[in-house]
Amino acid sequence: KRLLEISPTNIISRSMFKAIFIPAINSPISEQVLSKEGGLEHDSLRHEAEKFFSLATQEERLAISNQAVEQANEVLKQQNIDSSKVDSALMKSLSNQGSVEIMSLSLPDSSNNYMAVSMYCDRNGIAKKLPINERATSIARSCNHDMTVYGDVFIGRCHDDESLPWERVDFTLDDLNSDSTWIAEARRKNKGKPTSNFSTSGTIENILKQQSNTNKSVPIDSSATTIGNSSWSQTSDEIEWRVFLADFVKKTDIIVSIRSNRVKLSSRLSDSQGIWKNLESLSSLDSQLMQVEGAELWANIDVDSSTWTLGKDHQVGNVLCLSLCKQDSGVTWKHLLKKE
């Protein structure tokens, strides 16, 4: 028995891939054909989802903005964070955190040939008063995600193995069978795990934690938390990595590429190394980040649930804050990188 309705499929070239579009209303589900050429940094599925979900009326935009502020204030209250310690520009920008909520239904590992399946939803579905998507909700719950999905969604698959280039792979209507192998595996692997960490809904909370000196992240080894022009700490669920940059660097000057076990930092500026806080102390870590392959992390992370932002610290100035969601929650990292 299928979880969803189906539509006819078409043969496509190797430079293209298929993803699924599931409307909230009871109309047929369709296969979307998109290009692979953008790779990870310019993923066409995410780009299409962002365009689709960014549409909003003036009334909806106001509701979205108000919801973002309410969310932020609730997080501040829960974390016992003094709002005066949070950058006002950051608070003002919370309503512009993006239009797409990405839910990792199935994380990549060796048991599934490093195939990841993700659902792309409207981050502001409740504020827009969108209807419940019963079919998408059924899929999410079949993968042990206890949540309700609002509005239309996309579902896509990618091959994310560090030994090979990141690539989009077909996710078709046949993959919506309730007895599909990937659903059974996702249900088994996600059982008992905090699946709320497998989505980008924690972005605001992560950013606020990064901006506060009173967050609950505890370094595992105080003598090892400072590396080059950066520092890091961890909780049971995530890694917080703070990279110190030159004061003149803007968010539009840098490109951050986050893979399942690597982070790469590149710059649109002519002198890439000039982005570092202290040019004379460019460390091995900084060099790793700037290399083509990037810096290899100590363990794997959930890419779709990991985020970054550029902000100001009153003591050190410009800070690139990366919040990396651990793929294996509860595992303590001995180091940040494999090559420390």
C-alpha atoms as a PDB file:
ATOM      1  CA  LYS A   1       0.000   0.000   0.000  1.00  0.00           C
ATOM      2  CA  ARG A   2       1.308   3.462  -0.894  1.00  0.00           C
ATOM      3  CA  LEU A   3       1.402   6.222   1.663  1.00  0.00           C
ATOM      4  CA  LEU A   4       0.593   8.699  -1.102  1.00  0.00           C
ATOM      5  CA  GLU A   5      -1.055   9.117  -4.463  1.00  0.00           C
ATOM      6  CA  ILE A   6       1.130   8.879  -7.573  1.00  0.00           C
ATOM      7  CA  SER A   7       1.532  10.503 -10.965  1.00  0.00           C
ATOM      8  CA  PRO A   8       3.265   9.232 -14.157  1.00  0.00           C
ATOM      9  CA  THR A   9       7.082   9.291 -14.261  1.00  0.00           C
ATOM     10  CA  ASN A  10       9.418  10.284 -17.089  1.00  0.00           C
ATOM     11  CA  ILE A  11      12.925   9.255 -18.149  1.00  0.00           C
ATOM     12  CA  ILE A  12      15.533  11.982 -17.477  1.00  0.00           C
ATOM     13  CA  SER A  13      19.189  12.519 -18.320  1.00  0.00           C
ATOM     14  CA  ARG A  14      22.085  11.813 -15.930  1.00  0.00           C
ATOM     15  CA  SER A  15      22.587  15.531 -15.346  1.00  0.00           C
ATOM     16  CA  MET A  16      19.095  15.775 -13.878  1.00  0.00           C
ATOM     17  CA  PHE A  17      17.379  14.238 -10.867  1.00  0.00           C
ATOM     18  CA  LYS A  18      13.865  13.693  -9.563  1.00  0.00           C
ATOM     19  CA  ALA A  19      12.317  14.993  -6.355  1.00  0.00           C
ATOM     20  CA  ILE A  20       8.756  14.785  -5.034  1.00  0.00           C
ATOM     21  CA  PHE A  21       6.264  17.610  -4.504  1.00  0.00           C
ATOM     22  CA  ILE A  22       3.429  16.872  -2.043  1.00  0.00           C
ATOM     23  CA  PRO A  23       0.604  19.452  -1.934  1.00  0.00           C
ATOM     24  CA  ALA A  24      -1.192  20.034   1.351  1.00  0.00           C
ATOM     25  CA  ILE A  25      -4.533  19.864  -0.407  1.00  0.00           C
ATOM     26  CA  ASN A  26      -5.735  16.523  -1.702  1.00  0.00           C
ATOM     27  CA  SER A  27      -4.375  16.830  -5.238  1.00  0.00           C
ATOM     28  CA  PRO A  28      -1.941  14.458  -7.017  1.00  0.00           C
ATOM     29  CA  ILE A  29       1.680  14.285  -5.953  1.00  0.00           C
ATOM     30  CA  SER A  30       4.126  15.031  -8.730  1.00  0.00           C
ATOM     31  CA  GLU A  31       7.755  14.368  -9.593  1.00  0.00           C
ATOM     32  CA  GLN A  32       9.909  17.445 -10.109  1.00  0.00           C
ATOM     33  CA  VAL A  33      12.862  17.221 -12.513  1.00  0.00           C
ATOM     34  CA  LEU A  34      15.816  19.446 -11.553  1.00  0.00           C
ATOM     35  CA  SER A  35      19.460  19.921 -12.501  1.00  0.00           C
ATOM     36  CA  LYS A  36      22.393  18.412 -10.579  1.00  0.00           C
ATOM     37  CA  GLU A  37      24.826  21.023 -11.870  1.00  0.00           C
ATOM     38  CA  GLY A  38      24.691  23.332  -8.843  1.00  0.00           C
ATOM     39  CA  GLY A  39      26.138  20.721  -6.514  1.00  0.00           C
ATOM     40  CA  LEU A  40      25.919  21.208  -2.754  1.00  0.00           C
ATOM     41  CA  GLU A  41      26.625  24.965  -2.641  1.00  0.00           C
ATOM     42  CA  HIS A  42      23.996  25.775  -5.290  1.00  0.00           C
ATOM     43  CA  ASP A  43      21.569  22.926  -4.815  1.00  0.00           C
ATOM     44  CA  SER A  44      18.655  23.381  -7.212  1.00  0.00           C
ATOM     45  CA  LEU A  45      16.115  21.635  -4.967  1.00  0.00           C
ATOM     46  CA  ARG A  46      16.818  23.896  -2.020  1.00  0.00           C
ATOM     47  CA  HIS A  47      16.804  26.918  -4.351  1.00  0.00           C
ATOM     48  CA  GLU A  48      13.403  25.954  -5.774  1.00  0.00           C
ATOM     49  CA  ALA A  49      12.020  25.352  -2.278  1.00  0.00           C
ATOM     50  CA  GLU A  50      13.270  28.749  -1.083  1.00  0.00           C
ATOM     51  CA  LYS A  51      11.608  30.505  -4.024  1.00  0.00           C
ATOM     52  CA  PHE A  52       8.373  28.592  -3.535  1.00  0.00           C
ATOM     53  CA  PHE A  53       8.096  29.165   0.220  1.00  0.00           C
ATOM     54  CA  SER A  54       9.268  32.790   0.199  1.00  0.00           C
ATOM     55  CA  LEU A  55       5.981  33.942  -1.329  1.00  0.00           C
ATOM     56  CA  ALA A  56       3.860  35.693   1.290  1.00  0.00           C
ATOM     57  CA  THR A  57       1.277  38.464   1.533  1.00  0.00           C
ATOM     58  CA  GLN A  58       1.970  41.601   3.573  1.00  0.00           C
ATOM     59  CA  GLU A  59      -0.273  40.262   6.349  1.00  0.00           C
ATOM     60  CA  GLU A  60       1.609  36.944   6.351  1.00  0.00           C
ATOM     61  CA  ARG A  61       5.006  38.685   6.467  1.00  0.00           C
ATOM     62  CA  LEU A  62       3.887  40.647   9.540  1.00  0.00           C
ATOM     63  CA  ALA A  63       2.690  37.440  11.212  1.00  0.00           C
ATOM     64  CA  ILE A  64       6.013  35.749  10.359  1.00  0.00           C
ATOM     65  CA  SER A  65       7.988  38.628  11.857  1.00  0.00           C
ATOM     66  CA  ASN A  66       5.917  38.613  15.049  1.00  0.00           C
ATOM     67  CA  GLN A  67       6.258  34.835  15.359  1.00  0.00           C
ATOM     68  CA  ALA A  68      10.058  35.066  14.998  1.00  0.00           C
ATOM     69  CA  VAL A  69      10.309  37.625  17.782  1.00  0.00           C
ATOM     70  CA  GLU A  70       8.021  35.551  20.026  1.00  0.00           C
ATOM     71  CA  GLN A  71      10.179  32.496  19.327  1.00  0.00           C
ATOM     72  CA  ALA A  72      13.338  34.395  20.166  1.00  0.00           C
ATOM     73  CA  ASN A  73      11.930  35.743  23.423  1.00  0.00           C
ATOM     74  CA  GLU A  74      10.764  32.265  24.434  1.00  0.00           C
ATOM     75  CA  VAL A  75      14.243  30.826  23.774  1.00  0.00           C
ATOM     76  CA  LEU A  76      15.856  33.625  25.783  1.00  0.00           C
ATOM     77  CA  LYS A  77      13.534  32.856  28.662  1.00  0.00           C
ATOM     78  CA  GLN A  78      14.186  29.098  28.523  1.00  0.00           C
ATOM     79  CA  GLN A  79      17.958  29.559  28.380  1.00  0.00           C
ATOM     80  CA  ASN A  80      17.994  32.224  31.115  1.00  0.00           C
ATOM     81  CA  ILE A  81      19.737  34.566  28.687  1.00  0.00           C
ATOM     82  CA  ASP A  82      19.892  38.277  29.388  1.00  0.00           C
ATOM     83  CA  SER A  83      18.420  39.945  26.291  1.00  0.00           C
ATOM     84  CA  SER A  84      20.880  42.823  26.701  1.00  0.00           C
ATOM     85  CA  LYS A  85      23.672  40.375  25.797  1.00  0.00           C
ATOM     86  CA  VAL A  86      22.093  39.566  22.454  1.00  0.00           C
ATOM     87  CA  ASP A  87      23.056  41.764  19.520  1.00  0.00           C
ATOM     88  CA  SER A  88      20.100  44.013  18.610  1.00  0.00           C
ATOM     89  CA  ALA A  89      20.871  43.658  14.904  1.00  0.00           C
ATOM     90  CA  LEU A  90      20.605  39.906  15.293  1.00  0.00           C
ATOM     91  CA  MET A  91      17.229  40.160  17.003  1.00  0.00           C
ATOM     92  CA  LYS A  92      16.011  42.423  14.219  1.00  0.00           C
ATOM     93  CA  SER A  93      17.113  39.939  11.567  1.00  0.00           C
ATOM     94  CA  LEU A  94      15.398  36.919  13.111  1.00  0.00           C
ATOM     95  CA  SER A  95      12.375  37.375  10.875  1.00  0.00           C
ATOM     96  CA  ASN A  96      14.683  36.897   7.853  1.00  0.00           C
ATOM     97  CA  GLN A  97      16.090  33.494   8.821  1.00  0.00           C
ATOM     98  CA  GLY A  98      14.884  31.934   5.595  1.00  0.00           C
ATOM     99  CA  SER A  99      11.711  30.395   4.327  1.00  0.00           C
ATOM    100  CA  VAL A 100      12.668  26.705   4.282  1.00  0.00           C
ATOM    101  CA  GLU A 101      12.488  24.190   7.121  1.00  0.00           C
ATOM    102  CA  ILE A 102      14.611  21.136   6.296  1.00  0.00           C
ATOM    103  CA  MET A 103      13.802  17.885   8.087  1.00  0.00           C
ATOM    104  CA  SER A 104      16.314  15.022   7.823  1.00  0.00           C
ATOM    105  CA  LEU A 105      14.154  11.927   7.487  1.00  0.00           C
ATOM    106  CA  SER A 106      17.068   9.566   6.897  1.00  0.00           C
ATOM    107  CA  LEU A 107      20.689  10.392   7.768  1.00  0.00           C
ATOM    108  CA  PRO A 108      23.537   9.100   5.545  1.00  0.00           C
ATOM    109  CA  ASP A 109      25.846   6.349   6.803  1.00  0.00           C
ATOM    110  CA  SER A 110      27.537   3.186   5.567  1.00  0.00           C
ATOM    111  CA  SER A 111      24.430   1.053   6.184  1.00  0.00           C
ATOM    112  CA  ASN A 112      22.387   2.976   3.570  1.00  0.00           C
ATOM    113  CA  ASN A 113      25.251   3.660   1.159  1.00  0.00           C
ATOM    114  CA  TYR A 114      25.404   7.251   2.442  1.00  0.00           C
ATOM    115  CA  MET A 115      21.996   8.144   1.043  1.00  0.00           C
ATOM    116  CA  ALA A 116      20.174  10.969   2.833  1.00  0.00           C
ATOM    117  CA  VAL A 117      16.480  11.778   2.459  1.00  0.00           C
ATOM    118  CA  SER A 118      15.178  15.198   3.510  1.00  0.00           C
ATOM    119  CA  MET A 119      11.804  16.941   3.548  1.00  0.00           C
ATOM    120  CA  TYR A 120      11.629  20.652   2.651  1.00  0.00           C
ATOM    121  CA  CYS A 121       8.738  22.503   4.300  1.00  0.00           C
ATOM    122  CA  ASP A 122       7.547  26.075   4.743  1.00  0.00           C
ATOM    123  CA  ARG A 123       9.284  27.332   7.912  1.00  0.00           C
ATOM    124  CA  ASN A 124       6.436  29.806   8.433  1.00  0.00           C
ATOM    125  CA  GLY A 125       3.552  27.436   7.765  1.00  0.00           C
ATOM    126  CA  ILE A 126       1.799  28.138  11.071  1.00  0.00           C
ATOM    127  CA  ALA A 127       2.174  31.927  10.773  1.00  0.00           C
ATOM    128  CA  LYS A 128       0.739  31.739   7.250  1.00  0.00           C
ATOM    129  CA  LYS A 129      -2.137  29.595   8.596  1.00  0.00           C
ATOM    130  CA  LEU A 130      -1.424  26.876   6.054  1.00  0.00           C
ATOM    131  CA  PRO A 131      -3.445  23.636   6.215  1.00  0.00           C
ATOM    132  CA  ILE A 132      -1.997  20.465   7.717  1.00  0.00           C
ATOM    133  CA  ASN A 133      -0.333  18.272   5.110  1.00  0.00           C
ATOM    134  CA  GLU A 134      -1.702  14.895   6.184  1.00  0.00           C
ATOM    135  CA  ARG A 135       0.323  12.910   3.663  1.00  0.00           C
ATOM    136  CA  ALA A 136       3.653  14.575   4.486  1.00  0.00           C
ATOM    137  CA  THR A 137       2.887  14.241   8.205  1.00  0.00           C
ATOM    138  CA  SER A 138       2.270  10.517   7.673  1.00  0.00           C
ATOM    139  CA  ILE A 139       5.677  10.122   6.025  1.00  0.00           C
ATOM    140  CA  ALA A 140       7.448  12.069   8.787  1.00  0.00           C
ATOM    141  CA  ARG A 141       5.809   9.975  11.509  1.00  0.00           C
ATOM    142  CA  SER A 142       6.613   6.770   9.626  1.00  0.00           C
ATOM    143  CA  CYS A 143      10.261   7.835  10.063  1.00  0.00           C
ATOM    144  CA  ASN A 144       9.720   8.372  13.820  1.00  0.00           C
ATOM    145  CA  HIS A 145       9.425  12.175  13.590  1.00  0.00           C
ATOM    146  CA  ASP A 146       6.686  13.174  16.027  1.00  0.00           C
ATOM    147  CA  MET A 147       5.545  16.315  14.269  1.00  0.00           C
ATOM    148  CA  THR A 148       2.803  17.899  12.182  1.00  0.00           C
ATOM    149  CA  VAL A 149       3.651  19.315   8.760  1.00  0.00           C
ATOM    150  CA  TYR A 150       1.891  22.453   7.466  1.00  0.00           C
ATOM    151  CA  GLY A 151       1.632  23.414   3.802  1.00  0.00           C
ATOM    152  CA  ASP A 152       3.165  21.928   0.675  1.00  0.00           C
ATOM    153  CA  VAL A 153       6.486  20.057   0.849  1.00  0.00           C
ATOM    154  CA  PHE A 154       9.294  18.721  -1.318  1.00  0.00           C
ATOM    155  CA  ILE A 155      11.212  15.501  -0.622  1.00  0.00           C
ATOM    156  CA  GLY A 156      14.634  14.813  -2.094  1.00  0.00           C
ATOM    157  CA  ARG A 157      17.555  12.410  -1.790  1.00  0.00           C
ATOM    158  CA  CYS A 158      21.305  12.933  -2.049  1.00  0.00           C
ATOM    159  CA  HIS A 159      24.466  10.819  -1.911  1.00  0.00           C
ATOM    160  CA  ASP A 160      26.672  12.286   0.833  1.00  0.00           C
ATOM    161  CA  ASP A 161      29.890  10.252   1.127  1.00  0.00           C
ATOM    162  CA  GLU A 162      33.055  12.266   1.797  1.00  0.00           C
ATOM    163  CA  SER A 163      35.111   9.955  -0.428  1.00  0.00           C
ATOM    164  CA  LEU A 164      33.000  11.024  -3.411  1.00  0.00           C
ATOM    165  CA  PRO A 165      31.483  14.313  -4.650  1.00  0.00           C
ATOM    166  CA  TRP A 166      28.124  15.254  -3.101  1.00  0.00           C
ATOM    167  CA  GLU A 167      25.357  14.471  -5.595  1.00  0.00           C
ATOM    168  CA  ARG A 168      21.596  14.564  -5.907  1.00  0.00           C
ATOM    169  CA  VAL A 169      19.959  11.179  -6.519  1.00  0.00           C
ATOM    170  CA  ASP A 170      16.440  10.385  -7.714  1.00  0.00           C
ATOM    171  CA  PHE A 171      13.640  10.250  -5.160  1.00  0.00           C
ATOM    172  CA  THR A 172      10.592   8.984  -7.030  1.00  0.00           C
ATOM    173  CA  LEU A 173       6.987   8.088  -6.411  1.00  0.00           C
ATOM    174  CA  ASP A 174       8.013   4.461  -5.981  1.00  0.00           C
ATOM    175  CA  ASP A 175       9.977   5.527  -2.883  1.00  0.00           C
ATOM    176  CA  LEU A 176       6.701   6.443  -1.200  1.00  0.00           C
ATOM    177  CA  ASN A 177       5.705   2.822  -0.657  1.00  0.00           C
ATOM    178  CA  SER A 178       5.040   2.214   3.023  1.00  0.00           C
ATOM    179  CA  ASP A 179       7.258  -0.891   2.838  1.00  0.00           C
ATOM    180  CA  SER A 180      10.213   0.961   1.272  1.00  0.00           C
ATOM    181  CA  THR A 181      13.576  -0.048   2.733  1.00  0.00           C
ATOM    182  CA  TRP A 182      14.631   3.527   3.446  1.00  0.00           C
ATOM    183  CA  ILE A 183      11.491   4.181   5.553  1.00  0.00           C
ATOM    184  CA  ALA A 184      12.019   1.016   7.598  1.00  0.00           C
ATOM    185  CA  GLU A 185      15.679   1.918   8.205  1.00  0.00           C
ATOM    186  CA  ALA A 186      14.873   5.524   9.094  1.00  0.00           C
ATOM    187  CA  ARG A 187      12.197   4.379  11.550  1.00  0.00           C
ATOM    188  CA  ARG A 188      14.655   1.996  13.228  1.00  0.00           C
ATOM    189  CA  LYS A 189      17.577   4.470  13.381  1.00  0.00           C
ATOM    190  CA  ASN A 190      15.454   7.411  14.579  1.00  0.00           C
ATOM    191  CA  LYS A 191      13.723   5.451  17.343  1.00  0.00           C
ATOM    192  CA  GLY A 192      14.415   6.994  20.732  1.00  0.00           C
ATOM    193  CA  LYS A 193      16.503   9.844  19.280  1.00  0.00           C
ATOM    194  CA  PRO A 194      15.717  13.566  19.701  1.00  0.00           C
ATOM    195  CA  THR A 195      14.538  13.998  16.107  1.00  0.00           C
ATOM    196  CA  SER A 196      13.795  17.680  16.756  1.00  0.00           C
ATOM    197  CA  ASN A 197      17.563  18.110  16.327  1.00  0.00           C
ATOM    198  CA  PHE A 198      17.271  16.708  12.792  1.00  0.00           C
ATOM    199  CA  SER A 199      15.612  19.869  11.458  1.00  0.00           C
ATOM    200  CA  THR A 200      16.515  23.511  11.000  1.00  0.00           C
ATOM    201  CA  SER A 201      13.791  24.668  13.393  1.00  0.00           C
ATOM    202  CA  GLY A 202      16.479  25.064  16.044  1.00  0.00           C
ATOM    203  CA  THR A 203      18.275  27.736  14.032  1.00  0.00           C
ATOM    204  CA  ILE A 204      17.070  30.666  16.131  1.00  0.00           C
ATOM    205  CA  GLU A 205      17.853  28.879  19.386  1.00  0.00           C
ATOM    206  CA  ASN A 206      21.343  27.951  18.164  1.00  0.00           C
ATOM    207  CA  ILE A 207      22.120  31.485  17.033  1.00  0.00           C
ATOM    208  CA  LEU A 208      20.943  32.954  20.326  1.00  0.00           C
ATOM    209  CA  LYS A 209      23.061  30.466  22.252  1.00  0.00           C
ATOM    210  CA  GLN A 210      26.079  31.435  20.177  1.00  0.00           C
ATOM    211  CA  GLN A 211      25.506  35.107  20.955  1.00  0.00           C
ATOM    212  CA  SER A 212      25.285  34.524  24.699  1.00  0.00           C
ATOM    213  CA  ASN A 213      28.075  33.853  27.185  1.00  0.00           C
ATOM    214  CA  THR A 214      25.616  32.036  29.438  1.00  0.00           C
ATOM    215  CA  ASN A 215      24.743  29.101  27.190  1.00  0.00           C
ATOM    216  CA  LYS A 216      24.908  25.559  28.516  1.00  0.00           C
ATOM    217  CA  SER A 217      27.594  24.223  26.178  1.00  0.00           C
ATOM    218  CA  VAL A 218      30.390  22.702  28.261  1.00  0.00           C
ATOM    219  CA  PRO A 219      33.898  22.203  26.811  1.00  0.00           C
ATOM    220  CA  ILE A 220      35.134  18.639  27.211  1.00  0.00           C
ATOM    221  CA  ASP A 221      38.702  19.777  27.783  1.00  0.00           C
ATOM    222  CA  SER A 222      39.431  23.413  28.547  1.00  0.00           C
ATOM    223  CA  SER A 223      43.020  23.011  27.343  1.00  0.00           C
ATOM    224  CA  ALA A 224      41.867  21.881  23.903  1.00  0.00           C
ATOM    225  CA  THR A 225      38.993  24.246  23.173  1.00  0.00           C
ATOM    226  CA  THR A 226      41.105  26.949  21.532  1.00  0.00           C
ATOM    227  CA  ILE A 227      42.576  26.049  18.141  1.00  0.00           C
ATOM    228  CA  GLY A 228      44.213  28.644  15.931  1.00  0.00           C
ATOM    229  CA  ASN A 229      41.848  31.573  15.488  1.00  0.00           C
ATOM    230  CA  SER A 230      38.863  29.678  16.843  1.00  0.00           C
ATOM    231  CA  SER A 231      37.338  27.982  19.880  1.00  0.00           C
ATOM    232  CA  TRP A 232      34.792  25.223  20.304  1.00  0.00           C
ATOM    233  CA  SER A 233      32.517  23.590  22.851  1.00  0.00           C
ATOM    234  CA  GLN A 234      29.847  20.908  22.853  1.00  0.00           C
ATOM    235  CA  THR A 235      26.615  19.663  24.366  1.00  0.00           C
ATOM    236  CA  SER A 236      25.235  16.152  24.009  1.00  0.00           C
ATOM    237  CA  ASP A 237      23.554  17.148  20.732  1.00  0.00           C
ATOM    238  CA  GLU A 238      25.720  19.764  19.018  1.00  0.00           C
ATOM    239  CA  ILE A 239      29.100  21.345  18.486  1.00  0.00           C
ATOM    240  CA  GLU A 240      29.495  25.116  18.698  1.00  0.00           C
ATOM    241  CA  TRP A 241      32.519  26.343  16.729  1.00  0.00           C
ATOM    242  CA  ARG A 242      33.482  30.032  16.880  1.00  0.00           C
ATOM    243  CA  VAL A 243      35.942  31.213  14.197  1.00  0.00           C
ATOM    244  CA  PHE A 244      37.383  34.711  14.670  1.00  0.00           C
ATOM    245  CA  LEU A 245      37.500  36.855  11.526  1.00  0.00           C
ATOM    246  CA  ALA A 246      38.815  40.292  10.628  1.00  0.00           C
ATOM    247  CA  ASP A 247      36.504  43.156  11.576  1.00  0.00           C
ATOM    248  CA  PHE A 248      35.967  44.278   7.973  1.00  0.00           C
ATOM    249  CA  VAL A 249      34.517  40.919   6.841  1.00  0.00           C
ATOM    250  CA  LYS A 250      30.802  40.893   5.937  1.00  0.00           C
ATOM    251  CA  LYS A 251      28.520  37.896   5.608  1.00  0.00           C
ATOM    252  CA  THR A 252      28.467  38.345   1.840  1.00  0.00           C
ATOM    253  CA  ASP A 253      32.290  38.070   1.759  1.00  0.00           C
ATOM    254  CA  ILE A 254      32.434  34.461   2.916  1.00  0.00           C
ATOM    255  CA  ILE A 255      31.173  31.092   1.724  1.00  0.00           C
ATOM    256  CA  VAL A 256      30.728  28.303   4.278  1.00  0.00           C
ATOM    257  CA  SER A 257      30.398  24.758   2.978  1.00  0.00           C
ATOM    258  CA  ILE A 258      29.233  22.189   5.548  1.00  0.00           C
ATOM    259  CA  ARG A 259      29.498  18.503   4.661  1.00  0.00           C
ATOM    260  CA  SER A 260      28.781  15.399   6.730  1.00  0.00           C
ATOM    261  CA  ASN A 261      32.314  15.364   8.157  1.00  0.00           C
ATOM    262  CA  ARG A 262      34.010  18.492   6.786  1.00  0.00           C
ATOM    263  CA  VAL A 263      33.734  22.264   6.956  1.00  0.00           C
ATOM    264  CA  LYS A 264      35.242  24.515   4.311  1.00  0.00           C
ATOM    265  CA  LEU A 265      35.568  28.291   4.465  1.00  0.00           C
ATOM    266  CA  SER A 266      36.210  30.330   1.330  1.00  0.00           C
ATOM    267  CA  SER A 267      36.085  34.029   0.567  1.00  0.00           C
ATOM    268  CA  ARG A 268      34.890  36.237  -2.242  1.00  0.00           C
ATOM    269  CA  LEU A 269      37.670  38.682  -1.333  1.00  0.00           C
ATOM    270  CA  SER A 270      40.835  38.752  -3.445  1.00  0.00           C
ATOM    271  CA  ASP A 271      43.049  37.902  -0.445  1.00  0.00           C
ATOM    272  CA  SER A 272      41.239  34.983   1.203  1.00  0.00           C
ATOM    273  CA  GLN A 273      43.638  34.743   4.131  1.00  0.00           C
ATOM    274  CA  GLY A 274      42.988  38.380   4.897  1.00  0.00           C
ATOM    275  CA  ILE A 275      39.684  37.383   6.461  1.00  0.00           C
ATOM    276  CA  TRP A 276      41.460  35.961   9.501  1.00  0.00           C
ATOM    277  CA  LYS A 277      41.695  37.990  12.683  1.00  0.00           C
ATOM    278  CA  ASN A 278      45.499  37.839  12.850  1.00  0.00           C
ATOM    279  CA  LEU A 279      47.326  37.325   9.568  1.00  0.00           C
ATOM    280  CA  GLU A 280      50.645  36.607  11.276  1.00  0.00           C
ATOM    281  CA  SER A 281      49.178  33.709  13.282  1.00  0.00           C
ATOM    282  CA  LEU A 282      47.516  31.722  10.510  1.00  0.00           C
ATOM    283  CA  SER A 283      47.355  28.270  12.108  1.00  0.00           C
ATOM    284  CA  SER A 284      47.212  24.757  10.674  1.00  0.00           C
ATOM    285  CA  LEU A 285      43.468  24.745  11.414  1.00  0.00           C
ATOM    286  CA  ASP A 286      42.960  27.960   9.468  1.00  0.00           C
ATOM    287  CA  SER A 287      44.938  26.467   6.587  1.00  0.00           C
ATOM    288  CA  GLN A 288      42.784  23.327   6.668  1.00  0.00           C
ATOM    289  CA  LEU A 289      39.595  25.388   6.534  1.00  0.00           C
ATOM    290  CA  MET A 290      40.853  27.301   3.520  1.00  0.00           C
ATOM    291  CA  GLN A 291      42.001  24.213   1.593  1.00  0.00           C
ATOM    292  CA  VAL A 292      39.932  22.807  -1.262  1.00  0.00           C
ATOM    293  CA  GLU A 293      38.768  19.806   0.782  1.00  0.00           C
ATOM    294  CA  GLY A 294      38.257  21.798   3.995  1.00  0.00           C
ATOM    295  CA  ALA A 295      38.847  20.672   7.587  1.00  0.00           C
ATOM    296  CA  GLU A 296      37.856  17.110   8.507  1.00  0.00           C
ATOM    297  CA  LEU A 297      35.725  16.865  11.640  1.00  0.00           C
ATOM    298  CA  TRP A 298      36.275  14.323  14.412  1.00  0.00           C
ATOM    299  CA  ALA A 299      32.861  12.704  13.725  1.00  0.00           C
ATOM    300  CA  ASN A 300      29.922  13.047  11.364  1.00  0.00           C
ATOM    301  CA  ILE A 301      27.239  15.725  11.613  1.00  0.00           C
ATOM    302  CA  ASP A 302      23.722  16.200  10.264  1.00  0.00           C
ATOM    303  CA  VAL A 303      24.237  18.707   7.455  1.00  0.00           C
ATOM    304  CA  ASP A 304      20.632  19.847   7.057  1.00  0.00           C
ATOM    305  CA  SER A 305      20.309  20.639  10.773  1.00  0.00           C
ATOM    306  CA  SER A 306      23.636  22.499  11.024  1.00  0.00           C
ATOM    307  CA  THR A 307      23.760  26.280  10.664  1.00  0.00           C
ATOM    308  CA  TRP A 308      26.142  29.239  10.699  1.00  0.00           C
ATOM    309  CA  THR A 309      25.959  32.978  11.200  1.00  0.00           C
ATOM    310  CA  LEU A 310      28.346  35.923  11.319  1.00  0.00           C
ATOM    311  CA  GLY A 311      28.018  38.155  14.362  1.00  0.00           C
ATOM    312  CA  LYS A 312      29.842  40.517  16.704  1.00  0.00           C
ATOM    313  CA  ASP A 313      31.388  39.630  20.054  1.00  0.00           C
ATOM    314  CA  HIS A 314      32.021  42.535  22.435  1.00  0.00           C
ATOM    315  CA  GLN A 315      35.451  41.146  23.340  1.00  0.00           C
ATOM    316  CA  VAL A 316      36.877  39.608  20.153  1.00  0.00           C
ATOM    317  CA  GLY A 317      34.919  41.368  17.376  1.00  0.00           C
ATOM    318  CA  ASN A 318      33.797  39.501  14.235  1.00  0.00           C
ATOM    319  CA  VAL A 319      32.913  35.860  14.900  1.00  0.00           C
ATOM    320  CA  LEU A 320      31.733  33.182  12.492  1.00  0.00           C
ATOM    321  CA  CYS A 321      29.532  30.905  14.640  1.00  0.00           C
ATOM    322  CA  LEU A 322      28.884  27.376  13.401  1.00  0.00           C
ATOM    323  CA  SER A 323      26.302  25.207  15.131  1.00  0.00           C
ATOM    324  CA  LEU A 324      26.952  21.619  14.020  1.00  0.00           C
ATOM    325  CA  CYS A 325      24.322  19.016  14.925  1.00  0.00           C
ATOM    326  CA  LYS A 326      25.907  15.692  15.899  1.00  0.00           C
ATOM    327  CA  GLN A 327      24.745  12.761  13.811  1.00  0.00           C
ATOM    328  CA  ASP A 328      25.139  10.526  16.870  1.00  0.00           C
ATOM    329  CA  SER A 329      23.494  12.393  19.728  1.00  0.00           C
ATOM    330  CA  GLY A 330      25.036  11.758  23.127  1.00  0.00           C
ATOM    331  CA  VAL A 331      28.498  10.887  21.820  1.00  0.00           C
ATOM    332  CA  THR A 332      31.265  13.042  23.305  1.00  0.00           C
ATOM    333  CA  TRP A 333      33.800  14.313  20.788  1.00  0.00           C
ATOM    334  CA  LYS A 334      37.396  13.936  21.993  1.00  0.00           C
ATOM    335  CA  HIS A 335      38.557  16.547  19.496  1.00  0.00           C
ATOM    336  CA  LEU A 336      37.016  18.963  17.029  1.00  0.00           C
ATOM    337  CA  LEU A 337      39.111  17.753  14.096  1.00  0.00           C
ATOM    338  CA  LYS A 338      40.788  14.494  13.184  1.00  0.00           C
ATOM    339  CA  LYS A 339      44.048  16.333  12.467  1.00  0.00           C
ATOM    340  CA  GLU A 340      44.640  18.215  15.716  1.00  0.00           C
END
